[in-house]
Amino acid sequence: MQMKSKKSKDTDMTKGPIARLLIIYAIPLLLGNLFQQLYNTVDSLVVGNFVGTEALAAIGSTTSICNTLVKFFNGVSIGASVIISQYYGAHDDDNLYRSVQTTLALTFLCGLLFTVLGYAMTPFMLRLMATPEDVLPLSSLYLKIYFLGISGLLVYNMGSGILRAVGDSRRPLMFLCFSSVLNIILDLVFVLAFRLGIAGVAIATILSQFISAFLILLLLGRCRESYRFDPKGLNLNPYILKQILIVGLPTGIQQSLTAFSNVFVHSYINAFGSGCMAGWSCYSKIDQFVMLPMQSMGNAATMFVGQNVGAKDVKRAKEGSLKALLMSILITVCCCTALWIFAPQLVTLFNRDETVLKYGVLFLRLNCGFMVFCCFNQVLAGSLRGTGDAKTPMFYLLFSQVVCRQIYLFVISRVFPGNPVVISLGFPMGWLLCSILMSTHYFRMDWEKW
């Protein structure tokens, strides 16, 4: 197979200054994640200001349901990225080509499956969350439209993951910026001009996602490298698929179950009415922006460790992992300080209702002091996945952020009924426990076995 494996837009992380490589790789990734987050955030901003509190609460109540399927796929895509990055680092062009074709074939199949599954499970999930009757019709409408277009999101995420695995995080960013701006324009057109309400923001979202998917496939199809998209070569190679699932399946299960457990968290919040739901929605959207730097650095650590493990340079892999952790902690502390100070102004961007403002500021200030613990979870878990070990972070994350969190919520809601403050602390308690477990394992593990 005569194909090039490297190009100037790729980044070989097996040589060069570690901190500089991580930053160069993470900044476009951070900007990409920022624009990705704008999809749902803009939806909330538009409906919160131009449709109403119930519509804002409806979008907030759908987040965990959307994430249940999307996070599972994202976990699988991480597995694919790790395998691709390792073959890239090892300069194995043949297996690099096979892994990309297997990855894309799997993506198309998942797109079809998730469309059917997501659309069918919408009524059940909303009832499971005890969604209030005044919010239920809007939530159902938004979700059904969203799942009809979920294939675009999956294809873009996997395609950009392929490019990032070979060190190219800039071109996916350009496409995402374009589609995000388009999403904003379409949101305003469908809501203000066509008066489609919550259906309008859902339609704008899926149209923008399909455009970003088309652009990423066009790019991969036109390139000449080993990681190109070759429709004739699409197949589920059993050996490659097994490698992807060994890493990706535990990660996908962990992320999916964590998102699914948040359905139950929302059921506790929903008991306090649409005002509290809308306040929680504001908190959730703002909180996700603070998480982006550590998530980007965690993904950078995954690719850095993956390439260097593939190149058999374990010492460099470990050094890069620790530098990624320190940088993410520093950035998060700065972000959380700003979040505490400007919490009221941030919430009013979404809605000016007095009840929404009260709860939104409350949740933000309660939880922002604990977000630094997520740095350990994101970066150390990403580093372990880069080595090919996805089971350990899956176990710790599920135990702390699903099992222990649900036990805490069940007990605390009965000891302090009617108190949303203690309910909201379920998230930071899980972060803290997970950071302790993950750090203990990471600093005791035998890196030489890799």
Protein backbone atom coordinates (compact mmCIF):
# COMPACT_ATOMS: atom_id res chain seq x y z
CA MET A 1 0.00 0.00 0.00
CA GLN A 2 1.78 3.14 -1.18
CA MET A 3 0.49 5.94 0.98
CA LYS A 4 2.05 8.69 3.01
CA SER A 5 1.57 8.55 6.75
CA LYS A 6 2.67 12.03 7.68
CA LYS A 7 1.87 15.53 6.55
CA SER A 8 2.79 19.00 7.81
CA LYS A 9 -0.61 19.39 9.46
CA ASP A 10 -0.05 16.22 11.53
CA THR A 11 1.75 16.39 14.87
CA ASP A 12 4.31 13.80 15.87
CA MET A 13 4.31 13.92 19.68
CA THR A 14 7.16 11.43 20.07
CA LYS A 15 9.76 14.21 19.82
CA GLY A 16 10.06 17.89 20.68
CA PRO A 17 9.26 20.05 23.76
CA ILE A 18 6.49 18.34 25.72
CA ALA A 19 4.65 21.35 27.17
CA ARG A 20 4.72 23.15 23.83
CA LEU A 21 3.32 20.13 21.99
CA LEU A 22 0.52 19.70 24.52
CA ILE A 23 -0.44 23.36 24.33
CA ILE A 24 -0.29 23.50 20.52
CA TYR A 25 -2.46 20.41 20.33
CA ALA A 26 -4.87 21.36 23.14
CA ILE A 27 -5.64 24.96 22.10
CA PRO A 28 -7.39 24.09 18.82
CA LEU A 29 -9.06 21.20 20.63
CA LEU A 30 -10.25 23.58 23.36
CA LEU A 31 -11.62 26.01 20.80
CA GLY A 32 -13.32 23.12 19.01
CA ASN A 33 -14.90 21.91 22.25
CA LEU A 34 -15.92 25.49 22.99
CA PHE A 35 -17.79 25.78 19.70
CA GLN A 36 -19.22 22.27 20.17
CA GLN A 37 -20.62 23.37 23.53
CA LEU A 38 -22.12 26.43 21.87
CA TYR A 39 -24.58 24.17 20.02
CA ASN A 40 -26.75 23.42 23.03
CA THR A 41 -25.83 26.59 24.90
CA VAL A 42 -27.07 28.80 22.09
CA ASP A 43 -30.27 26.76 22.05
CA SER A 44 -30.72 27.55 25.76
CA LEU A 45 -29.87 31.23 25.29
CA VAL A 46 -32.38 31.65 22.47
CA VAL A 47 -35.29 29.80 24.10
CA GLY A 48 -34.57 31.30 27.52
CA ASN A 49 -34.78 34.84 26.16
CA PHE A 50 -37.30 34.49 23.34
CA VAL A 51 -39.50 31.49 24.15
CA GLY A 52 -39.84 31.15 27.93
CA THR A 53 -38.81 29.51 31.21
CA GLU A 54 -40.63 26.26 30.46
CA ALA A 55 -38.75 25.88 27.15
CA LEU A 56 -35.44 26.55 28.92
CA ALA A 57 -36.30 23.93 31.53
CA ALA A 58 -37.26 21.51 28.74
CA ILE A 59 -33.87 21.77 27.04
CA GLY A 60 -32.10 21.41 30.38
CA SER A 61 -34.06 18.26 31.14
CA THR A 62 -33.01 16.65 27.84
CA THR A 63 -29.25 16.96 28.33
CA SER A 64 -28.76 13.74 30.29
CA ILE A 65 -30.91 11.77 27.86
CA CYS A 66 -28.97 13.01 24.83
CA ASN A 67 -25.70 12.28 26.59
CA THR A 68 -26.67 8.71 27.48
CA LEU A 69 -26.23 7.63 23.85
CA VAL A 70 -23.78 10.29 22.67
CA LYS A 71 -21.35 9.68 25.55
CA PHE A 72 -21.37 5.96 24.84
CA PHE A 73 -20.33 6.63 21.27
CA ASN A 74 -17.75 9.20 22.37
CA GLY A 75 -16.19 6.53 24.57
CA VAL A 76 -15.96 4.18 21.61
CA SER A 77 -14.45 7.01 19.54
CA ILE A 78 -11.79 7.49 22.22
CA GLY A 79 -10.93 3.81 21.83
CA ALA A 80 -10.61 4.28 18.07
CA SER A 81 -8.46 7.39 18.53
CA VAL A 82 -6.10 5.54 20.89
CA ILE A 83 -5.61 2.66 18.43
CA ILE A 84 -5.13 5.07 15.51
CA SER A 85 -2.65 7.19 17.48
CA GLN A 86 -0.64 4.10 18.45
CA TYR A 87 -0.40 2.88 14.83
CA TYR A 88 0.48 6.42 13.78
CA GLY A 89 3.22 6.62 16.42
CA ALA A 90 4.54 3.21 15.32
CA HIS A 91 4.49 4.28 11.61
CA ASP A 92 2.37 1.23 10.74
CA ASP A 93 0.58 2.51 7.60
CA ASP A 94 -1.30 -0.68 6.77
CA ASN A 95 -2.97 -1.04 10.18
CA LEU A 96 -3.50 2.72 10.34
CA TYR A 97 -5.53 2.48 7.11
CA ARG A 98 -7.50 -0.55 8.35
CA SER A 99 -8.27 1.09 11.70
CA VAL A 100 -9.67 4.22 10.02
CA GLN A 101 -11.93 2.26 7.66
CA THR A 102 -13.18 0.07 10.51
CA THR A 103 -13.80 3.15 12.65
CA LEU A 104 -15.88 4.91 10.00
CA ALA A 105 -17.88 1.78 9.16
CA LEU A 106 -18.71 1.41 12.85
CA THR A 107 -19.74 5.08 12.99
CA PHE A 108 -22.27 4.75 10.16
CA LEU A 109 -23.83 1.69 11.80
CA CYS A 110 -24.06 3.45 15.17
CA GLY A 111 -25.69 6.47 13.53
CA LEU A 112 -28.54 4.31 12.23
CA LEU A 113 -28.92 2.41 15.49
CA PHE A 114 -28.89 5.51 17.73
CA THR A 115 -31.45 7.31 15.58
CA VAL A 116 -33.96 4.49 16.05
CA LEU A 117 -33.09 3.80 19.68
CA GLY A 118 -33.04 7.45 20.77
CA TYR A 119 -36.36 8.30 19.10
CA ALA A 120 -38.05 5.23 20.60
CA MET A 121 -36.73 5.70 24.15
CA THR A 122 -37.65 9.40 24.46
CA PRO A 123 -41.08 9.00 26.19
CA PHE A 124 -39.74 6.38 28.62
CA MET A 125 -36.71 8.47 29.63
CA LEU A 126 -38.74 11.62 30.20
CA ARG A 127 -41.18 9.74 32.43
CA LEU A 128 -38.26 8.16 34.29
CA MET A 129 -36.98 11.65 35.08
CA ALA A 130 -40.38 12.66 36.48
CA THR A 131 -40.49 15.54 34.00
CA PRO A 132 -43.28 17.98 35.02
CA GLU A 133 -46.35 18.05 32.79
CA ASP A 134 -45.83 21.70 31.82
CA VAL A 135 -42.39 20.84 30.41
CA LEU A 136 -43.01 17.31 29.06
CA PRO A 137 -44.41 18.14 25.56
CA LEU A 138 -41.58 20.57 24.80
CA SER A 139 -38.91 18.15 26.04
CA SER A 140 -40.36 15.33 23.94
CA LEU A 141 -40.49 17.47 20.78
CA TYR A 142 -36.90 18.68 21.16
CA LEU A 143 -35.53 15.18 21.82
CA LYS A 144 -37.30 13.50 18.90
CA ILE A 145 -35.98 16.06 16.43
CA TYR A 146 -32.51 15.87 17.98
CA PHE A 147 -32.28 12.09 17.63
CA LEU A 148 -33.45 12.23 14.01
CA GLY A 149 -30.24 14.16 13.27
CA ILE A 150 -27.84 12.45 15.65
CA SER A 151 -25.89 10.76 12.81
CA GLY A 152 -24.33 14.09 11.85
CA LEU A 153 -22.95 14.57 15.34
CA LEU A 154 -21.52 11.03 15.47
CA VAL A 155 -19.82 11.28 12.08
CA TYR A 156 -18.26 14.66 12.90
CA ASN A 157 -17.02 13.50 16.31
CA MET A 158 -15.45 10.34 14.93
CA GLY A 159 -13.97 12.05 11.88
CA SER A 160 -12.41 14.80 13.97
CA GLY A 161 -11.19 12.13 16.41
CA ILE A 162 -9.31 10.45 13.55
CA LEU A 163 -7.59 13.71 12.64
CA ARG A 164 -6.75 14.47 16.26
CA ALA A 165 -5.26 11.01 16.70
CA VAL A 166 -2.63 11.91 14.09
CA GLY A 167 -2.07 15.31 15.72
CA ASP A 168 -4.30 17.48 13.50
CA SER A 169 -6.66 19.42 15.74
CA ARG A 170 -6.80 22.57 13.61
CA ARG A 171 -8.84 21.59 10.56
CA PRO A 172 -11.69 20.03 12.59
CA LEU A 173 -11.78 23.31 14.50
CA MET A 174 -12.30 25.35 11.33
CA PHE A 175 -15.28 23.24 10.27
CA LEU A 176 -16.78 23.32 13.75
CA CYS A 177 -16.45 27.11 13.98
CA PHE A 178 -18.29 27.47 10.69
CA SER A 179 -21.12 25.12 11.65
CA SER A 180 -21.44 26.71 15.11
CA VAL A 181 -21.87 30.18 13.64
CA LEU A 182 -24.39 28.70 11.22
CA ASN A 183 -26.25 27.15 14.16
CA ILE A 184 -26.54 30.56 15.85
CA ILE A 185 -27.90 32.15 12.68
CA LEU A 186 -30.39 29.33 12.08
CA ASP A 187 -31.53 29.42 15.72
CA LEU A 188 -32.43 33.09 15.41
CA VAL A 189 -34.05 32.64 11.99
CA PHE A 190 -36.21 29.66 12.99
CA VAL A 191 -37.25 31.14 16.35
CA LEU A 192 -37.61 34.86 15.59
CA ALA A 193 -38.59 34.81 11.91
CA PHE A 194 -40.43 31.49 11.54
CA ARG A 195 -41.76 31.32 15.14
CA LEU A 196 -40.96 27.60 15.45
CA GLY A 197 -40.06 27.83 19.15
CA ILE A 198 -38.17 24.90 20.65
CA ALA A 199 -38.58 22.89 17.43
CA GLY A 200 -36.68 25.63 15.59
CA VAL A 201 -33.58 25.35 17.77
CA ALA A 202 -33.63 21.56 17.45
CA ILE A 203 -33.83 21.77 13.64
CA ALA A 204 -31.03 24.36 13.57
CA THR A 205 -28.84 22.06 15.65
CA ILE A 206 -29.21 18.97 13.48
CA LEU A 207 -28.75 20.90 10.23
CA SER A 208 -25.51 22.38 11.53
CA GLN A 209 -24.32 18.96 12.70
CA PHE A 210 -24.92 17.41 9.29
CA ILE A 211 -22.95 20.18 7.61
CA SER A 212 -19.96 19.66 9.94
CA ALA A 213 -20.13 15.90 9.27
CA PHE A 214 -20.14 16.48 5.50
CA LEU A 215 -17.11 18.76 5.72
CA ILE A 216 -15.07 16.33 7.81
CA LEU A 217 -15.84 13.42 5.47
CA LEU A 218 -14.97 15.56 2.46
CA LEU A 219 -11.60 16.39 4.01
CA LEU A 220 -10.82 12.77 4.88
CA GLY A 221 -11.94 11.62 1.43
CA ARG A 222 -9.66 14.03 -0.41
CA CYS A 223 -6.47 13.46 1.59
CA ARG A 224 -3.87 10.94 0.36
CA GLU A 225 -2.53 9.74 3.70
CA SER A 226 -3.08 6.36 5.33
CA TYR A 227 -5.88 7.76 7.45
CA ARG A 228 -8.01 8.83 4.48
CA PHE A 229 -11.71 7.96 4.09
CA ASP A 230 -12.00 5.27 1.42
CA PRO A 231 -15.64 4.24 0.78
CA LYS A 232 -14.50 1.15 -1.11
CA GLY A 233 -12.34 0.05 1.81
CA LEU A 234 -15.01 0.38 4.50
CA ASN A 235 -15.31 -2.81 6.55
CA LEU A 236 -15.35 -4.05 10.13
CA ASN A 237 -11.92 -5.66 10.40
CA PRO A 238 -12.33 -8.18 13.28
CA TYR A 239 -8.83 -7.68 14.72
CA ILE A 240 -8.99 -3.87 14.60
CA LEU A 241 -12.59 -3.80 15.88
CA LYS A 242 -11.57 -5.93 18.85
CA GLN A 243 -8.72 -3.54 19.67
CA ILE A 244 -11.04 -0.53 19.45
CA LEU A 245 -13.68 -2.13 21.68
CA ILE A 246 -11.12 -3.25 24.30
CA VAL A 247 -10.34 0.42 24.93
CA GLY A 248 -13.54 2.08 23.74
CA LEU A 249 -16.23 -0.16 25.20
CA PRO A 250 -15.27 0.32 28.87
CA THR A 251 -14.93 4.06 28.26
CA GLY A 252 -18.27 4.20 26.45
CA ILE A 253 -20.05 2.20 29.15
CA GLN A 254 -18.58 4.42 31.85
CA GLN A 255 -19.55 7.66 30.13
CA SER A 256 -22.99 6.39 29.15
CA LEU A 257 -23.84 5.09 32.61
CA THR A 258 -22.59 8.32 34.17
CA ALA A 259 -24.88 10.29 31.85
CA PHE A 260 -27.75 7.89 32.53
CA SER A 261 -27.26 8.28 36.28
CA ASN A 262 -27.66 12.04 35.78
CA VAL A 263 -31.20 11.29 34.60
CA PHE A 264 -31.93 10.38 38.22
CA VAL A 265 -30.13 13.49 39.45
CA HIS A 266 -32.48 15.52 37.25
CA SER A 267 -35.44 13.69 38.74
CA TYR A 268 -34.47 15.06 42.16
CA ILE A 269 -34.07 18.58 40.74
CA ASN A 270 -37.34 18.33 38.79
CA ALA A 271 -39.22 17.91 42.07
CA PHE A 272 -38.55 21.58 42.86
CA GLY A 273 -40.43 22.91 39.81
CA SER A 274 -39.61 24.53 36.47
CA GLY A 275 -37.88 27.55 38.05
CA CYS A 276 -35.34 25.34 39.80
CA MET A 277 -35.03 23.18 36.65
CA ALA A 278 -34.25 26.25 34.57
CA GLY A 279 -31.69 27.41 37.17
CA TRP A 280 -30.05 23.97 37.05
CA SER A 281 -30.05 24.18 33.25
CA CYS A 282 -28.19 27.51 33.42
CA TYR A 283 -25.69 26.02 35.87
CA SER A 284 -25.15 22.96 33.68
CA LYS A 285 -24.47 24.99 30.55
CA ILE A 286 -22.02 27.34 32.28
CA ASP A 287 -20.37 24.51 34.19
CA GLN A 288 -19.59 22.70 30.92
CA PHE A 289 -17.53 25.66 29.69
CA VAL A 290 -15.34 25.51 32.79
CA MET A 291 -14.82 21.79 32.19
CA LEU A 292 -13.61 22.33 28.61
CA PRO A 293 -9.94 23.21 29.34
CA MET A 294 -9.39 20.12 31.49
CA GLN A 295 -11.24 17.91 29.01
CA SER A 296 -9.10 19.25 26.17
CA MET A 297 -5.93 18.67 28.15
CA GLY A 298 -7.17 15.19 29.05
CA ASN A 299 -7.68 14.41 25.35
CA ALA A 300 -4.25 15.85 24.59
CA ALA A 301 -2.78 13.57 27.25
CA THR A 302 -4.53 10.57 25.68
CA MET A 303 -3.05 11.25 22.26
CA PHE A 304 0.38 12.15 23.69
CA VAL A 305 0.58 9.00 25.79
CA GLY A 306 -0.85 6.89 22.95
CA GLN A 307 1.77 8.02 20.44
CA ASN A 308 4.66 7.68 22.88
CA VAL A 309 3.55 4.27 24.11
CA GLY A 310 3.35 3.24 20.45
CA ALA A 311 6.92 4.54 20.04
CA LYS A 312 8.01 2.64 23.21
CA ASP A 313 9.02 5.84 25.08
CA VAL A 314 7.29 5.32 28.44
CA LYS A 315 9.31 7.92 30.32
CA ARG A 316 8.25 10.66 27.93
CA ALA A 317 4.62 9.48 28.06
CA LYS A 318 4.56 9.79 31.86
CA GLU A 319 6.25 13.20 31.84
CA GLY A 320 3.71 14.55 29.36
CA SER A 321 0.84 13.22 31.44
CA LEU A 322 2.00 15.06 34.58
CA LYS A 323 2.60 18.31 32.70
CA ALA A 324 -0.91 18.11 31.26
CA LEU A 325 -2.30 17.68 34.78
CA LEU A 326 -0.45 20.71 36.19
CA MET A 327 -1.54 22.96 33.32
CA SER A 328 -5.19 21.89 33.64
CA ILE A 329 -5.19 22.62 37.39
CA LEU A 330 -3.79 26.13 36.87
CA ILE A 331 -6.33 26.98 34.17
CA THR A 332 -9.27 25.57 36.17
CA VAL A 333 -8.40 27.59 39.29
CA CYS A 334 -8.43 30.79 37.21
CA CYS A 335 -11.73 29.88 35.54
CA CYS A 336 -13.46 28.99 38.82
CA THR A 337 -12.38 32.27 40.42
CA ALA A 338 -13.99 34.20 37.55
CA LEU A 339 -17.06 31.95 37.72
CA TRP A 340 -17.64 32.73 41.41
CA ILE A 341 -17.34 36.49 40.84
CA PHE A 342 -19.51 36.75 37.73
CA ALA A 343 -22.10 34.03 38.49
CA PRO A 344 -25.14 36.42 38.55
CA GLN A 345 -24.19 38.08 35.27
CA LEU A 346 -23.68 34.69 33.59
CA VAL A 347 -27.06 33.34 34.68
CA THR A 348 -28.90 36.45 33.46
CA LEU A 349 -27.58 35.74 29.96
CA PHE A 350 -30.02 32.82 29.87
CA ASN A 351 -33.00 34.12 31.80
CA ARG A 352 -33.84 37.06 34.07
CA ASP A 353 -36.58 35.38 36.08
CA GLU A 354 -35.90 35.91 39.79
CA THR A 355 -36.32 32.23 40.72
CA VAL A 356 -34.09 31.06 37.87
CA LEU A 357 -31.41 33.57 38.87
CA LYS A 358 -31.51 32.51 42.53
CA TYR A 359 -31.06 28.82 41.82
CA GLY A 360 -28.57 29.28 38.98
CA VAL A 361 -26.20 31.39 41.09
CA LEU A 362 -26.63 29.03 44.06
CA PHE A 363 -25.67 25.93 42.07
CA LEU A 364 -22.75 27.66 40.36
CA ARG A 365 -21.14 28.96 43.53
CA LEU A 366 -21.69 25.74 45.46
CA ASN A 367 -19.97 23.55 42.89
CA CYS A 368 -17.24 25.71 41.36
CA GLY A 369 -14.96 25.30 44.38
CA PHE A 370 -14.77 21.55 43.74
CA MET A 371 -14.13 21.60 39.99
CA VAL A 372 -10.36 21.42 40.38
CA PHE A 373 -10.76 17.78 41.44
CA CYS A 374 -12.12 17.02 37.97
CA CYS A 375 -8.66 17.81 36.54
CA PHE A 376 -7.31 14.63 38.12
CA ASN A 377 -10.24 12.62 36.77
CA GLN A 378 -10.00 13.97 33.23
CA VAL A 379 -6.23 14.02 32.70
CA LEU A 380 -5.26 10.88 34.61
CA ALA A 381 -8.12 8.89 33.09
CA GLY A 382 -7.11 10.15 29.64
CA SER A 383 -3.50 9.14 30.27
CA LEU A 384 -4.51 5.63 31.30
CA ARG A 385 -6.63 5.26 28.16
CA GLY A 386 -3.63 6.34 26.11
CA THR A 387 -1.75 3.31 27.42
CA GLY A 388 -4.67 1.10 26.35
CA ASP A 389 -6.01 0.67 29.91
CA ALA A 390 -9.64 1.77 29.77
CA LYS A 391 -10.98 -0.59 32.43
CA THR A 392 -9.34 1.10 35.43
CA PRO A 393 -10.74 4.61 34.82
CA MET A 394 -14.11 3.04 33.96
CA PHE A 395 -14.24 1.28 37.32
CA TYR A 396 -13.24 4.32 39.37
CA LEU A 397 -15.52 6.71 37.50
CA LEU A 398 -18.54 4.41 37.69
CA PHE A 399 -17.99 3.65 41.35
CA SER A 400 -17.60 7.28 42.43
CA GLN A 401 -19.84 9.16 39.99
CA VAL A 402 -22.63 6.63 39.58
CA VAL A 403 -22.85 4.18 42.49
CA CYS A 404 -21.70 6.45 45.34
CA ARG A 405 -23.46 9.51 43.92
CA GLN A 406 -26.80 7.70 43.69
CA ILE A 407 -26.43 6.35 47.22
CA TYR A 408 -25.66 9.87 48.44
CA LEU A 409 -28.70 11.35 46.66
CA PHE A 410 -31.03 8.61 47.90
CA VAL A 411 -29.97 9.06 51.51
CA ILE A 412 -29.58 12.85 51.60
CA SER A 413 -32.95 13.50 49.92
CA ARG A 414 -34.62 11.64 52.78
CA VAL A 415 -32.56 13.15 55.57
CA PHE A 416 -32.99 16.71 54.19
CA PRO A 417 -36.18 16.63 52.09
CA GLY A 418 -37.02 19.72 50.08
CA ASN A 419 -33.44 21.06 50.12
CA PRO A 420 -31.91 21.57 46.63
CA VAL A 421 -28.55 22.60 48.12
CA VAL A 422 -27.69 19.14 49.43
CA ILE A 423 -28.93 17.59 46.17
CA SER A 424 -26.58 19.73 44.08
CA LEU A 425 -23.61 18.63 46.20
CA GLY A 426 -23.97 15.13 44.78
CA PHE A 427 -21.77 16.15 41.86
CA PRO A 428 -18.74 17.50 43.78
CA MET A 429 -18.84 14.59 46.23
CA GLY A 430 -18.42 12.23 43.27
CA TRP A 431 -15.62 14.34 41.78
CA LEU A 432 -13.70 14.37 45.06
CA LEU A 433 -13.94 10.63 45.65
CA CYS A 434 -12.96 9.84 42.06
CA SER A 435 -9.91 12.11 42.17
CA ILE A 436 -8.65 10.34 45.29
CA LEU A 437 -9.08 6.88 43.76
CA MET A 438 -7.66 7.85 40.35
CA SER A 439 -4.61 9.62 41.77
CA THR A 440 -3.81 6.77 44.15
CA HIS A 441 -3.87 4.26 41.30
CA TYR A 442 -1.97 6.45 38.85
CA PHE A 443 0.96 7.24 41.12
CA ARG A 444 1.29 3.63 42.22
CA MET A 445 1.05 1.97 38.80
CA ASP A 446 4.02 0.31 37.12
CA TRP A 447 4.62 2.36 33.98
CA GLU A 448 7.43 0.09 32.84
CA LYS A 449 4.98 -2.66 31.88
CA TRP A 450 3.88 -0.58 28.91
